[in-house]
Amino acid sequence: MERMLATPADAEIVLKLYQLRTETLMREARAWMTGEFWPATAEEFFAVSGNPAHPHNAHFRQVITYWEMAAAMVLHGAVSAELFVDCNAEGFFLLGKFAPILEEIRVRNPGFLTKTSELINRFSAAAQRYEVVLKNLQARRQRMAAPEETTA
């Protein structure tokens, strides 16, 4: 497939997506989603995502809908897929993070991260980026599971 150059309009959209990520509440939500929320089971996942009273439910919804909206823009041709993939990895990170329980999640929530999944299926650059993310996540999970070393 021949590479298509992104347009200035594509660049403006990508920059706007970046600016939105820097908003204070969005930064808090993203920090929680990427750093603190590591459900091991679908039950742990739905304890947050399915419970509007959970203190982090709004964080969860804000981050997931943001990345799914961004992916939908690419899928509908509003922004260059190659530029988007080159500039964004967090949506792929989230999909990879939930990959071990994704099948169980989609039993109850069939639409969960489907736009991000479709990006990976439609665009080779997205699939390649996702593979790198999965390797990085595997290493991160191993570090998280390893007992902390004590120094004497």
Protein backbone atom coordinates (compact mmCIF):
# COMPACT_ATOMS: atom_id res chain seq x y z
CA MET A 1 0.00 0.00 0.00
CA GLU A 2 1.37 3.38 -0.99
CA ARG A 3 1.80 5.80 1.87
CA MET A 4 -0.47 8.82 1.75
CA LEU A 5 0.74 12.12 3.11
CA ALA A 6 -1.29 13.58 5.94
CA THR A 7 -2.87 16.96 5.35
CA PRO A 8 -2.57 20.07 7.50
CA ALA A 9 -6.15 19.37 8.63
CA ASP A 10 -5.06 15.92 9.82
CA ALA A 11 -2.26 17.52 11.81
CA GLU A 12 -4.68 20.00 13.37
CA ILE A 13 -6.93 17.17 14.52
CA VAL A 14 -4.03 15.23 16.01
CA LEU A 15 -2.81 18.35 17.80
CA LYS A 16 -6.32 19.03 19.13
CA LEU A 17 -6.53 15.45 20.39
CA TYR A 18 -3.24 16.04 22.19
CA GLN A 19 -4.47 19.31 23.69
CA LEU A 20 -7.61 17.62 25.00
CA ARG A 21 -5.43 15.01 26.73
CA THR A 22 -3.67 17.76 28.68
CA GLU A 23 -6.82 19.09 30.34
CA THR A 24 -6.49 18.64 34.12
CA LEU A 25 -9.38 16.25 34.70
CA MET A 26 -8.46 14.22 31.63
CA ARG A 27 -4.87 13.92 32.90
CA GLU A 28 -6.18 12.63 36.23
CA ALA A 29 -8.47 10.14 34.50
CA ARG A 30 -5.70 8.94 32.18
CA ALA A 31 -3.23 8.57 35.06
CA TRP A 32 -5.71 6.44 36.95
CA MET A 33 -6.62 4.32 33.92
CA THR A 34 -3.07 3.70 32.77
CA GLY A 35 -1.35 3.47 36.14
CA GLU A 36 -3.73 2.34 38.85
CA PHE A 37 -6.57 0.36 37.29
CA TRP A 38 -5.35 -3.17 36.54
CA PRO A 39 -8.34 -5.49 36.88
CA ALA A 40 -7.39 -9.15 36.86
CA THR A 41 -10.93 -10.37 36.26
CA ALA A 42 -14.04 -9.22 34.45
CA GLU A 43 -15.70 -8.89 37.86
CA GLU A 44 -13.05 -6.38 38.97
CA PHE A 45 -13.48 -4.56 35.65
CA PHE A 46 -17.26 -4.31 35.95
CA ALA A 47 -17.04 -3.27 39.61
CA VAL A 48 -15.78 0.05 38.22
CA SER A 49 -17.15 0.28 34.68
CA GLY A 50 -20.61 -0.98 35.56
CA ASN A 51 -21.04 0.98 38.76
CA PRO A 52 -21.87 4.67 38.29
CA ALA A 53 -21.40 5.19 42.04
CA HIS A 54 -17.77 4.02 41.93
CA PRO A 55 -15.45 6.99 42.48
CA HIS A 56 -13.48 6.18 39.30
CA ASN A 57 -16.38 5.28 37.02
CA ALA A 58 -16.31 8.74 35.44
CA HIS A 59 -12.55 8.46 34.85
CA PHE A 60 -13.09 5.11 33.18
CA ARG A 61 -15.85 6.42 30.91
CA GLN A 62 -13.96 9.60 30.02
CA VAL A 63 -10.82 7.81 28.89
CA ILE A 64 -12.49 4.94 27.05
CA THR A 65 -14.93 7.16 25.17
CA TYR A 66 -12.14 9.61 24.30
CA TRP A 67 -10.01 6.92 22.65
CA GLU A 68 -12.96 5.26 20.96
CA MET A 69 -14.03 8.66 19.57
CA ALA A 70 -10.50 9.24 18.28
CA ALA A 71 -10.42 5.80 16.68
CA ALA A 72 -13.80 6.43 15.06
CA MET A 73 -12.44 9.62 13.50
CA VAL A 74 -9.72 7.57 11.84
CA LEU A 75 -12.10 4.83 10.73
CA HIS A 76 -14.41 7.40 9.12
CA GLY A 77 -11.58 9.12 7.31
CA ALA A 78 -11.57 12.35 9.31
CA VAL A 79 -7.88 11.94 10.15
CA SER A 80 -4.99 10.08 8.56
CA ALA A 81 -4.60 6.61 10.04
CA GLU A 82 -0.83 6.68 9.64
CA LEU A 83 -0.47 10.04 11.36
CA PHE A 84 -2.82 9.00 14.15
CA VAL A 85 -0.95 5.75 14.79
CA ASP A 86 2.41 7.52 14.67
CA CYS A 87 1.28 10.00 17.31
CA ASN A 88 -0.90 7.94 19.65
CA ALA A 89 -0.35 4.69 21.53
CA GLU A 90 -2.57 5.02 24.59
CA GLY A 91 -5.71 3.60 22.98
CA PHE A 92 -3.71 0.54 21.92
CA PHE A 93 -2.26 0.36 25.43
CA LEU A 94 -5.75 0.25 26.92
CA LEU A 95 -6.87 -2.49 24.55
CA GLY A 96 -3.76 -4.49 25.37
CA LYS A 97 -4.17 -3.88 29.07
CA PHE A 98 -7.64 -5.43 28.99
CA ALA A 99 -6.73 -8.14 26.45
CA PRO A 100 -6.47 -10.96 29.04
CA ILE A 101 -10.10 -10.39 30.04
CA LEU A 102 -11.43 -8.82 26.83
CA GLU A 103 -13.49 -11.83 25.77
CA GLU A 104 -15.26 -11.88 29.15
CA ILE A 105 -15.79 -8.12 29.03
CA ARG A 106 -17.36 -8.31 25.58
CA VAL A 107 -19.84 -10.94 26.73
CA ARG A 108 -21.47 -8.23 28.85
CA ASN A 109 -20.33 -5.21 26.82
CA PRO A 110 -19.97 -6.26 23.16
CA GLY A 111 -19.00 -2.76 22.01
CA PHE A 112 -16.08 -2.33 24.40
CA LEU A 113 -13.08 -0.88 22.52
CA THR A 114 -14.38 -2.16 19.20
CA LYS A 115 -13.27 0.94 17.28
CA THR A 116 -9.72 0.51 18.56
CA SER A 117 -9.86 -3.18 17.63
CA GLU A 118 -11.10 -2.25 14.17
CA LEU A 119 -8.14 0.11 13.71
CA ILE A 120 -5.80 -2.81 14.38
CA ASN A 121 -7.66 -5.03 11.95
CA ARG A 122 -7.81 -2.42 9.16
CA PHE A 123 -4.43 -0.73 9.31
CA SER A 124 -1.12 -2.59 9.35
CA ALA A 125 0.61 0.30 11.12
CA ALA A 126 -1.93 0.02 13.94
CA ALA A 127 -1.43 -3.75 14.14
CA GLN A 128 2.33 -3.28 14.33
CA ARG A 129 1.99 -0.62 17.03
CA TYR A 130 -0.35 -2.90 18.99
CA GLU A 131 2.15 -5.77 18.85
CA VAL A 132 4.84 -3.52 20.35
CA VAL A 133 2.40 -2.38 23.04
CA LEU A 134 1.54 -5.99 23.90
CA LYS A 135 5.24 -6.83 24.36
CA ASN A 136 5.72 -3.80 26.58
CA LEU A 137 2.64 -4.72 28.61
CA GLN A 138 3.88 -8.26 29.08
CA ALA A 139 7.14 -6.93 30.51
CA ARG A 140 5.25 -4.46 32.71
CA ARG A 141 2.97 -7.18 34.07
CA GLN A 142 6.01 -9.31 34.89
CA ARG A 143 7.58 -6.40 36.78
CA MET A 144 4.32 -5.76 38.64
CA ALA A 145 4.01 -9.43 39.60
CA ALA A 146 7.61 -9.79 40.78
CA PRO A 147 8.09 -9.43 44.51
CA GLU A 148 9.86 -6.24 45.43
CA GLU A 149 13.51 -6.77 46.24
CA THR A 150 14.63 -5.60 49.62
CA THR A 151 17.99 -4.05 50.16
CA ALA A 152 19.93 -4.93 53.25
